[in-house]
mmCIF file of all heavy atoms, coordinates in Angstrom:
data_MODEL
# 
_entry.id   MODEL 
# 
loop_
_atom_site.group_PDB 
_atom_site.id 
_atom_site.type_symbol 
_atom_site.label_atom_id 
_atom_site.label_alt_id 
_atom_site.label_comp_id 
_atom_site.label_asym_id 
_atom_site.label_entity_id 
_atom_site.label_seq_id 
_atom_site.pdbx_PDB_ins_code 
_atom_site.Cartn_x 
_atom_site.Cartn_y 
_atom_site.Cartn_z 
_atom_site.occupancy 
_atom_site.B_iso_or_equiv 
_atom_site.pdbx_formal_charge 
_atom_site.auth_seq_id 
_atom_site.auth_comp_id 
_atom_site.auth_asym_id 
_atom_site.auth_atom_id 
_atom_site.pdbx_PDB_model_num 
ATOM 1   N N   . GLY A 1 1  ? 86.495  108.853 115.727 1.00 0.00 ? 1  GLY A N   1 
ATOM 2   C CA  . GLY A 1 1  ? 87.476  109.918 115.919 1.00 0.00 ? 1  GLY A CA  1 
ATOM 3   C C   . GLY A 1 1  ? 88.182  109.906 117.252 1.00 0.00 ? 1  GLY A C   1 
ATOM 4   O O   . GLY A 1 1  ? 89.067  110.728 117.494 1.00 0.00 ? 1  GLY A O   1 
ATOM 5   N N   . ALA A 1 2  ? 87.847  108.987 118.130 1.00 0.00 ? 2  ALA A N   1 
ATOM 6   C CA  . ALA A 1 2  ? 88.492  108.902 119.448 1.00 0.00 ? 2  ALA A CA  1 
ATOM 7   C C   . ALA A 1 2  ? 89.903  108.344 119.310 1.00 0.00 ? 2  ALA A C   1 
ATOM 8   O O   . ALA A 1 2  ? 90.278  107.806 118.269 1.00 0.00 ? 2  ALA A O   1 
ATOM 9   C CB  . ALA A 1 2  ? 87.649  108.028 120.375 1.00 0.00 ? 2  ALA A CB  1 
ATOM 10  N N   . GLU A 1 3  ? 90.695  108.480 120.394 1.00 0.00 ? 3  GLU A N   1 
ATOM 11  C CA  . GLU A 1 3  ? 92.074  108.023 120.301 1.00 0.00 ? 3  GLU A CA  1 
ATOM 12  C C   . GLU A 1 3  ? 92.662  107.634 121.646 1.00 0.00 ? 3  GLU A C   1 
ATOM 13  O O   . GLU A 1 3  ? 92.199  108.065 122.704 1.00 0.00 ? 3  GLU A O   1 
ATOM 14  C CB  . GLU A 1 3  ? 92.952  109.096 119.675 1.00 0.00 ? 3  GLU A CB  1 
ATOM 15  C CG  . GLU A 1 3  ? 93.074  110.355 120.480 1.00 0.00 ? 3  GLU A CG  1 
ATOM 16  C CD  . GLU A 1 3  ? 93.849  111.454 119.772 1.00 0.00 ? 3  GLU A CD  1 
ATOM 17  O OE1 . GLU A 1 3  ? 93.731  111.587 118.539 1.00 0.00 ? 3  GLU A OE1 1 
ATOM 18  O OE2 . GLU A 1 3  ? 94.561  112.181 120.471 1.00 0.00 ? 3  GLU A OE2 1 
ATOM 19  N N   . ILE A 1 4  ? 93.708  106.836 121.568 1.00 0.00 ? 4  ILE A N   1 
ATOM 20  C CA  . ILE A 1 4  ? 94.630  106.589 122.668 1.00 0.00 ? 4  ILE A CA  1 
ATOM 21  C C   . ILE A 1 4  ? 95.922  107.253 122.234 1.00 0.00 ? 4  ILE A C   1 
ATOM 22  O O   . ILE A 1 4  ? 96.414  107.004 121.128 1.00 0.00 ? 4  ILE A O   1 
ATOM 23  C CB  . ILE A 1 4  ? 94.799  105.087 122.941 1.00 0.00 ? 4  ILE A CB  1 
ATOM 24  C CG1 . ILE A 1 4  ? 93.496  104.538 123.512 1.00 0.00 ? 4  ILE A CG1 1 
ATOM 25  C CG2 . ILE A 1 4  ? 95.971  104.843 123.880 1.00 0.00 ? 4  ILE A CG2 1 
ATOM 26  C CD1 . ILE A 1 4  ? 93.514  103.059 123.792 1.00 0.00 ? 4  ILE A CD1 1 
ATOM 27  N N   . ASN A 1 5  ? 96.493  108.126 123.090 1.00 0.00 ? 5  ASN A N   1 
ATOM 28  C CA  . ASN A 1 5  ? 97.540  109.034 122.643 1.00 0.00 ? 5  ASN A CA  1 
ATOM 29  C C   . ASN A 1 5  ? 98.613  109.185 123.716 1.00 0.00 ? 5  ASN A C   1 
ATOM 30  O O   . ASN A 1 5  ? 98.313  109.534 124.853 1.00 0.00 ? 5  ASN A O   1 
ATOM 31  C CB  . ASN A 1 5  ? 96.875  110.383 122.355 1.00 0.00 ? 5  ASN A CB  1 
ATOM 32  C CG  . ASN A 1 5  ? 97.809  111.428 121.844 1.00 0.00 ? 5  ASN A CG  1 
ATOM 33  O OD1 . ASN A 1 5  ? 99.022  111.302 121.909 1.00 0.00 ? 5  ASN A OD1 1 
ATOM 34  N ND2 . ASN A 1 5  ? 97.235  112.501 121.344 1.00 0.00 ? 5  ASN A ND2 1 
ATOM 35  N N   . SER A 1 6  ? 99.866  108.933 123.338 1.00 0.00 ? 6  SER A N   1 
ATOM 36  C CA  . SER A 1 6  ? 101.006 109.181 124.239 1.00 0.00 ? 6  SER A CA  1 
ATOM 37  C C   . SER A 1 6  ? 102.020 110.028 123.467 1.00 0.00 ? 6  SER A C   1 
ATOM 38  O O   . SER A 1 6  ? 102.922 109.490 122.842 1.00 0.00 ? 6  SER A O   1 
ATOM 39  C CB  . SER A 1 6  ? 101.627 107.869 124.720 1.00 0.00 ? 6  SER A CB  1 
ATOM 40  O OG  . SER A 1 6  ? 102.028 107.072 123.637 1.00 0.00 ? 6  SER A OG  1 
ATOM 41  N N   . SER A 1 7  ? 101.828 111.337 123.483 1.00 0.00 ? 7  SER A N   1 
ATOM 42  C CA  . SER A 1 7  ? 102.574 112.231 122.607 1.00 0.00 ? 7  SER A CA  1 
ATOM 43  C C   . SER A 1 7  ? 103.223 113.380 123.358 1.00 0.00 ? 7  SER A C   1 
ATOM 44  O O   . SER A 1 7  ? 102.795 113.753 124.443 1.00 0.00 ? 7  SER A O   1 
ATOM 45  C CB  . SER A 1 7  ? 101.634 112.815 121.546 1.00 0.00 ? 7  SER A CB  1 
ATOM 46  O OG  . SER A 1 7  ? 101.086 111.794 120.752 1.00 0.00 ? 7  SER A OG  1 
ATOM 47  N N   . SER A 1 8  ? 104.253 113.967 122.724 1.00 0.00 ? 8  SER A N   1 
ATOM 48  C CA  . SER A 1 8  ? 104.892 115.171 123.226 1.00 0.00 ? 8  SER A CA  1 
ATOM 49  C C   . SER A 1 8  ? 104.761 116.252 122.168 1.00 0.00 ? 8  SER A C   1 
ATOM 50  O O   . SER A 1 8  ? 105.329 116.133 121.084 1.00 0.00 ? 8  SER A O   1 
ATOM 51  C CB  . SER A 1 8  ? 106.367 114.926 123.534 1.00 0.00 ? 8  SER A CB  1 
ATOM 52  O OG  . SER A 1 8  ? 106.967 116.144 123.912 1.00 0.00 ? 8  SER A OG  1 
ATOM 53  N N   . ILE A 1 9  ? 103.989 117.273 122.481 1.00 0.00 ? 9  ILE A N   1 
ATOM 54  C CA  . ILE A 1 9  ? 103.788 118.377 121.544 1.00 0.00 ? 9  ILE A CA  1 
ATOM 55  C C   . ILE A 1 9  ? 104.964 119.341 121.617 1.00 0.00 ? 9  ILE A C   1 
ATOM 56  O O   . ILE A 1 9  ? 105.227 120.093 120.715 1.00 0.00 ? 9  ILE A O   1 
ATOM 57  C CB  . ILE A 1 9  ? 102.446 119.077 121.842 1.00 0.00 ? 9  ILE A CB  1 
ATOM 58  C CG1 . ILE A 1 9  ? 101.305 118.087 121.628 1.00 0.00 ? 9  ILE A CG1 1 
ATOM 59  C CG2 . ILE A 1 9  ? 102.245 120.297 120.963 1.00 0.00 ? 9  ILE A CG2 1 
ATOM 60  C CD1 . ILE A 1 9  ? 99.969  118.566 122.084 1.00 0.00 ? 9  ILE A CD1 1 
ATOM 61  N N   . GLY A 1 10 ? 105.737 119.280 122.710 1.00 0.00 ? 10 GLY A N   1 
ATOM 62  C CA  . GLY A 1 10 ? 106.917 120.128 122.866 1.00 0.00 ? 10 GLY A CA  1 
ATOM 63  C C   . GLY A 1 10 ? 108.162 119.441 122.340 1.00 0.00 ? 10 GLY A C   1 
ATOM 64  O O   . GLY A 1 10 ? 108.140 118.815 121.290 1.00 0.00 ? 10 GLY A O   1 
ATOM 65  N N   . GLY A 1 11 ? 109.241 119.502 123.092 1.00 0.00 ? 11 GLY A N   1 
ATOM 66  C CA  . GLY A 1 11 ? 110.516 118.985 122.619 1.00 0.00 ? 11 GLY A CA  1 
ATOM 67  C C   . GLY A 1 11 ? 110.882 117.611 123.134 1.00 0.00 ? 11 GLY A C   1 
ATOM 68  O O   . GLY A 1 11 ? 111.980 117.143 122.866 1.00 0.00 ? 11 GLY A O   1 
ATOM 69  N N   . GLY A 1 12 ? 110.008 116.942 123.866 1.00 0.00 ? 12 GLY A N   1 
ATOM 70  C CA  . GLY A 1 12 ? 110.345 115.641 124.430 1.00 0.00 ? 12 GLY A CA  1 
ATOM 71  C C   . GLY A 1 12 ? 110.011 114.490 123.505 1.00 0.00 ? 12 GLY A C   1 
ATOM 72  O O   . GLY A 1 12 ? 109.480 114.664 122.409 1.00 0.00 ? 12 GLY A O   1 
ATOM 73  N N   . SER A 1 13 ? 110.318 113.292 123.970 1.00 0.00 ? 13 SER A N   1 
ATOM 74  C CA  . SER A 1 13 ? 110.007 112.079 123.224 1.00 0.00 ? 13 SER A CA  1 
ATOM 75  C C   . SER A 1 13 ? 108.579 111.637 123.511 1.00 0.00 ? 13 SER A C   1 
ATOM 76  O O   . SER A 1 13 ? 108.021 111.956 124.557 1.00 0.00 ? 13 SER A O   1 
ATOM 77  C CB  . SER A 1 13 ? 110.971 110.953 123.616 1.00 0.00 ? 13 SER A CB  1 
ATOM 78  O OG  . SER A 1 13 ? 112.280 111.279 123.217 1.00 0.00 ? 13 SER A OG  1 
ATOM 79  N N   . GLY A 1 14 ? 108.020 110.890 122.567 1.00 0.00 ? 14 GLY A N   1 
ATOM 80  C CA  . GLY A 1 14 ? 106.689 110.326 122.760 1.00 0.00 ? 14 GLY A CA  1 
ATOM 81  C C   . GLY A 1 14 ? 106.732 109.223 123.801 1.00 0.00 ? 14 GLY A C   1 
ATOM 82  O O   . GLY A 1 14 ? 107.759 108.581 124.000 1.00 0.00 ? 14 GLY A O   1 
ATOM 83  N N   . GLY A 1 15 ? 105.634 108.994 124.457 1.00 0.00 ? 15 GLY A N   1 
ATOM 84  C CA  . GLY A 1 15 ? 105.560 107.924 125.446 1.00 0.00 ? 15 GLY A CA  1 
ATOM 85  C C   . GLY A 1 15 ? 105.293 106.583 124.787 1.00 0.00 ? 15 GLY A C   1 
ATOM 86  O O   . GLY A 1 15 ? 104.863 106.509 123.636 1.00 0.00 ? 15 GLY A O   1 
ATOM 87  N N   . ASN A 1 16 ? 105.555 105.524 125.526 1.00 0.00 ? 16 ASN A N   1 
ATOM 88  C CA  . ASN A 1 16 ? 105.258 104.182 125.037 1.00 0.00 ? 16 ASN A CA  1 
ATOM 89  C C   . ASN A 1 16 ? 103.825 103.819 125.383 1.00 0.00 ? 16 ASN A C   1 
ATOM 90  O O   . ASN A 1 16 ? 103.325 104.185 126.443 1.00 0.00 ? 16 ASN A O   1 
ATOM 91  C CB  . ASN A 1 16 ? 106.207 103.160 125.659 1.00 0.00 ? 16 ASN A CB  1 
ATOM 92  C CG  . ASN A 1 16 ? 107.637 103.391 125.217 1.00 0.00 ? 16 ASN A CG  1 
ATOM 93  O OD1 . ASN A 1 16 ? 107.888 103.748 124.069 1.00 0.00 ? 16 ASN A OD1 1 
ATOM 94  N ND2 . ASN A 1 16 ? 108.576 103.193 126.122 1.00 0.00 ? 16 ASN A ND2 1 
ATOM 95  N N   . THR A 1 17 ? 103.181 103.097 124.486 1.00 0.00 ? 17 THR A N   1 
ATOM 96  C CA  . THR A 1 17 ? 101.821 102.627 124.700 1.00 0.00 ? 17 THR A CA  1 
ATOM 97  C C   . THR A 1 17 ? 101.835 101.109 124.654 1.00 0.00 ? 17 THR A C   1 
ATOM 98  O O   . THR A 1 17 ? 102.287 100.526 123.664 1.00 0.00 ? 17 THR A O   1 
ATOM 99  C CB  . THR A 1 17 ? 100.864 103.169 123.618 1.00 0.00 ? 17 THR A CB  1 
ATOM 100 O OG1 . THR A 1 17 ? 100.866 104.590 123.677 1.00 0.00 ? 17 THR A OG1 1 
ATOM 101 C CG2 . THR A 1 17 ? 99.452  102.659 123.821 1.00 0.00 ? 17 THR A CG2 1 
ATOM 102 N N   . ASP A 1 18 ? 101.366 100.472 125.722 1.00 0.00 ? 18 ASP A N   1 
ATOM 103 C CA  . ASP A 1 18 ? 101.271 99.015  125.793 1.00 0.00 ? 18 ASP A CA  1 
ATOM 104 C C   . ASP A 1 18 ? 99.812  98.639  125.995 1.00 0.00 ? 18 ASP A C   1 
ATOM 105 O O   . ASP A 1 18 ? 99.200  99.027  126.998 1.00 0.00 ? 18 ASP A O   1 
ATOM 106 C CB  . ASP A 1 18 ? 102.110 98.474  126.958 1.00 0.00 ? 18 ASP A CB  1 
ATOM 107 C CG  . ASP A 1 18 ? 103.592 98.710  126.755 1.00 0.00 ? 18 ASP A CG  1 
ATOM 108 O OD1 . ASP A 1 18 ? 104.108 98.293  125.695 1.00 0.00 ? 18 ASP A OD1 1 
ATOM 109 O OD2 . ASP A 1 18 ? 104.228 99.308  127.638 1.00 0.00 ? 18 ASP A OD2 1 
ATOM 110 N N   . LEU A 1 19 ? 99.280  97.888  125.032 1.00 0.00 ? 19 LEU A N   1 
ATOM 111 C CA  . LEU A 1 19 ? 97.886  97.454  125.093 1.00 0.00 ? 19 LEU A CA  1 
ATOM 112 C C   . LEU A 1 19 ? 97.845  95.934  125.154 1.00 0.00 ? 19 LEU A C   1 
ATOM 113 O O   . LEU A 1 19 ? 98.487  95.257  124.341 1.00 0.00 ? 19 LEU A O   1 
ATOM 114 C CB  . LEU A 1 19 ? 97.114  97.929  123.864 1.00 0.00 ? 19 LEU A CB  1 
ATOM 115 C CG  . LEU A 1 19 ? 97.122  99.433  123.589 1.00 0.00 ? 19 LEU A CG  1 
ATOM 116 C CD1 . LEU A 1 19 ? 96.402  99.741  122.292 1.00 0.00 ? 19 LEU A CD1 1 
ATOM 117 C CD2 . LEU A 1 19 ? 96.509  100.196 124.749 1.00 0.00 ? 19 LEU A CD2 1 
ATOM 118 N N   . VAL A 1 20 ? 97.086  95.404  126.104 1.00 0.00 ? 20 VAL A N   1 
ATOM 119 C CA  . VAL A 1 20 ? 96.875  93.967  126.230 1.00 0.00 ? 20 VAL A CA  1 
ATOM 120 C C   . VAL A 1 20 ? 95.376  93.757  126.224 1.00 0.00 ? 20 VAL A C   1 
ATOM 121 O O   . VAL A 1 20 ? 94.661  94.305  127.070 1.00 0.00 ? 20 VAL A O   1 
ATOM 122 C CB  . VAL A 1 20 ? 97.498  93.411  127.536 1.00 0.00 ? 20 VAL A CB  1 
ATOM 123 C CG1 . VAL A 1 20 ? 97.228  91.924  127.669 1.00 0.00 ? 20 VAL A CG1 1 
ATOM 124 C CG2 . VAL A 1 20 ? 98.981  93.718  127.605 1.00 0.00 ? 20 VAL A CG2 1 
ATOM 125 N N   . ALA A 1 21 ? 94.888  92.973  125.239 1.00 0.00 ? 21 ALA A N   1 
ATOM 126 C CA  . ALA A 1 21 ? 93.443  92.784  125.120 1.00 0.00 ? 21 ALA A CA  1 
ATOM 127 C C   . ALA A 1 21 ? 93.137  91.463  124.431 1.00 0.00 ? 21 ALA A C   1 
ATOM 128 O O   . ALA A 1 21 ? 93.964  90.927  123.687 1.00 0.00 ? 21 ALA A O   1 
ATOM 129 C CB  . ALA A 1 21 ? 92.823  93.929  124.325 1.00 0.00 ? 21 ALA A CB  1 
ATOM 130 N N   . GLU A 1 22 ? 91.932  90.979  124.667 1.00 0.00 ? 22 GLU A N   1 
ATOM 131 C CA  . GLU A 1 22 ? 91.456  89.838  123.888 1.00 0.00 ? 22 GLU A CA  1 
ATOM 132 C C   . GLU A 1 22 ? 91.195  90.304  122.460 1.00 0.00 ? 22 GLU A C   1 
ATOM 133 O O   . GLU A 1 22 ? 91.565  89.634  121.511 1.00 0.00 ? 22 GLU A O   1 
ATOM 134 C CB  . GLU A 1 22 ? 90.192  89.258  124.508 1.00 0.00 ? 22 GLU A CB  1 
ATOM 135 C CG  . GLU A 1 22 ? 90.441  88.587  125.849 1.00 0.00 ? 22 GLU A CG  1 
ATOM 136 C CD  . GLU A 1 22 ? 89.161  88.175  126.531 1.00 0.00 ? 22 GLU A CD  1 
ATOM 137 O OE1 . GLU A 1 22 ? 88.107  88.056  125.856 1.00 0.00 ? 22 GLU A OE1 1 
ATOM 138 O OE2 . GLU A 1 22 ? 89.201  87.966  127.757 1.00 0.00 ? 22 GLU A OE2 1 
ATOM 139 N N   . SER A 1 23 ? 90.546  91.470  122.322 1.00 0.00 ? 23 SER A N   1 
ATOM 140 C CA  . SER A 1 23 ? 90.256  92.006  120.991 1.00 0.00 ? 23 SER A CA  1 
ATOM 141 C C   . SER A 1 23 ? 90.288  93.526  121.014 1.00 0.00 ? 23 SER A C   1 
ATOM 142 O O   . SER A 1 23 ? 90.011  94.148  122.037 1.00 0.00 ? 23 SER A O   1 
ATOM 143 C CB  . SER A 1 23 ? 88.888  91.520  120.504 1.00 0.00 ? 23 SER A CB  1 
ATOM 144 O OG  . SER A 1 23 ? 87.865  92.010  121.350 1.00 0.00 ? 23 SER A OG  1 
ATOM 145 N N   . ILE A 1 24 ? 90.651  94.106  119.855 1.00 0.00 ? 24 ILE A N   1 
ATOM 146 C CA  . ILE A 1 24 ? 90.649  95.556  119.686 1.00 0.00 ? 24 ILE A CA  1 
ATOM 147 C C   . ILE A 1 24 ? 89.908  95.869  118.404 1.00 0.00 ? 24 ILE A C   1 
ATOM 148 O O   . ILE A 1 24 ? 90.182  95.285  117.348 1.00 0.00 ? 24 ILE A O   1 
ATOM 149 C CB  . ILE A 1 24 ? 92.076  96.133  119.628 1.00 0.00 ? 24 ILE A CB  1 
ATOM 150 C CG1 . ILE A 1 24 ? 92.802  95.877  120.954 1.00 0.00 ? 24 ILE A CG1 1 
ATOM 151 C CG2 . ILE A 1 24 ? 92.048  97.627  119.297 1.00 0.00 ? 24 ILE A CG2 1 
ATOM 152 C CD1 . ILE A 1 24 ? 94.253  96.328  120.975 1.00 0.00 ? 24 ILE A CD1 1 
ATOM 153 N N   . ASN A 1 25 ? 88.957  96.795  118.498 1.00 0.00 ? 25 ASN A N   1 
ATOM 154 C CA  . ASN A 1 25 ? 88.164  97.213  117.351 1.00 0.00 ? 25 ASN A CA  1 
ATOM 155 C C   . ASN A 1 25 ? 88.346  98.711  117.149 1.00 0.00 ? 25 ASN A C   1 
ATOM 156 O O   . ASN A 1 25 ? 87.977  99.506  118.016 1.00 0.00 ? 25 ASN A O   1 
ATOM 157 C CB  . ASN A 1 25 ? 86.687  96.881  117.581 1.00 0.00 ? 25 ASN A CB  1 
ATOM 158 C CG  . ASN A 1 25 ? 85.826  97.212  116.394 1.00 0.00 ? 25 ASN A CG  1 
ATOM 159 O OD1 . ASN A 1 25 ? 86.293  97.225  115.254 1.00 0.00 ? 25 ASN A OD1 1 
ATOM 160 N ND2 . ASN A 1 25 ? 84.561  97.480  116.649 1.00 0.00 ? 25 ASN A ND2 1 
ATOM 161 N N   . LEU A 1 26 ? 88.945  99.090  116.012 1.00 0.00 ? 26 LEU A N   1 
ATOM 162 C CA  . LEU A 1 26 ? 89.108  100.498 115.653 1.00 0.00 ? 26 LEU A CA  1 
ATOM 163 C C   . LEU A 1 26 ? 88.165  100.810 114.499 1.00 0.00 ? 26 LEU A C   1 
ATOM 164 O O   . LEU A 1 26 ? 88.264  100.191 113.442 1.00 0.00 ? 26 LEU A O   1 
ATOM 165 C CB  . LEU A 1 26 ? 90.546  100.795 115.219 1.00 0.00 ? 26 LEU A CB  1 
ATOM 166 C CG  . LEU A 1 26 ? 91.658  100.510 116.207 1.00 0.00 ? 26 LEU A CG  1 
ATOM 167 C CD1 . LEU A 1 26 ? 93.011  100.760 115.570 1.00 0.00 ? 26 LEU A CD1 1 
ATOM 168 C CD2 . LEU A 1 26 ? 91.502  101.350 117.445 1.00 0.00 ? 26 LEU A CD2 1 
ATOM 169 N N   . GLU A 1 27 ? 87.251  101.732 114.718 1.00 0.00 ? 27 GLU A N   1 
ATOM 170 C CA  . GLU A 1 27 ? 86.366  102.222 113.655 1.00 0.00 ? 27 GLU A CA  1 
ATOM 171 C C   . GLU A 1 27 ? 86.503  103.735 113.641 1.00 0.00 ? 27 GLU A C   1 
ATOM 172 O O   . GLU A 1 27 ? 85.928  104.415 114.477 1.00 0.00 ? 27 GLU A O   1 
ATOM 173 C CB  . GLU A 1 27 ? 84.917  101.826 113.913 1.00 0.00 ? 27 GLU A CB  1 
ATOM 174 C CG  . GLU A 1 27 ? 84.655  100.353 113.716 1.00 0.00 ? 27 GLU A CG  1 
ATOM 175 C CD  . GLU A 1 27 ? 83.177  100.032 113.804 1.00 0.00 ? 27 GLU A CD  1 
ATOM 176 O OE1 . GLU A 1 27 ? 82.355  100.770 113.237 1.00 0.00 ? 27 GLU A OE1 1 
ATOM 177 O OE2 . GLU A 1 27 ? 82.863  99.026  114.466 1.00 0.00 ? 27 GLU A OE2 1 
# 
């Protein structure tokens, strides 16, 4: 249930997310 989050709950735009990794595991 964890997250990486770049969001605007108000009236703005969402942020950009840049991930650089050897591996990513989402469970």
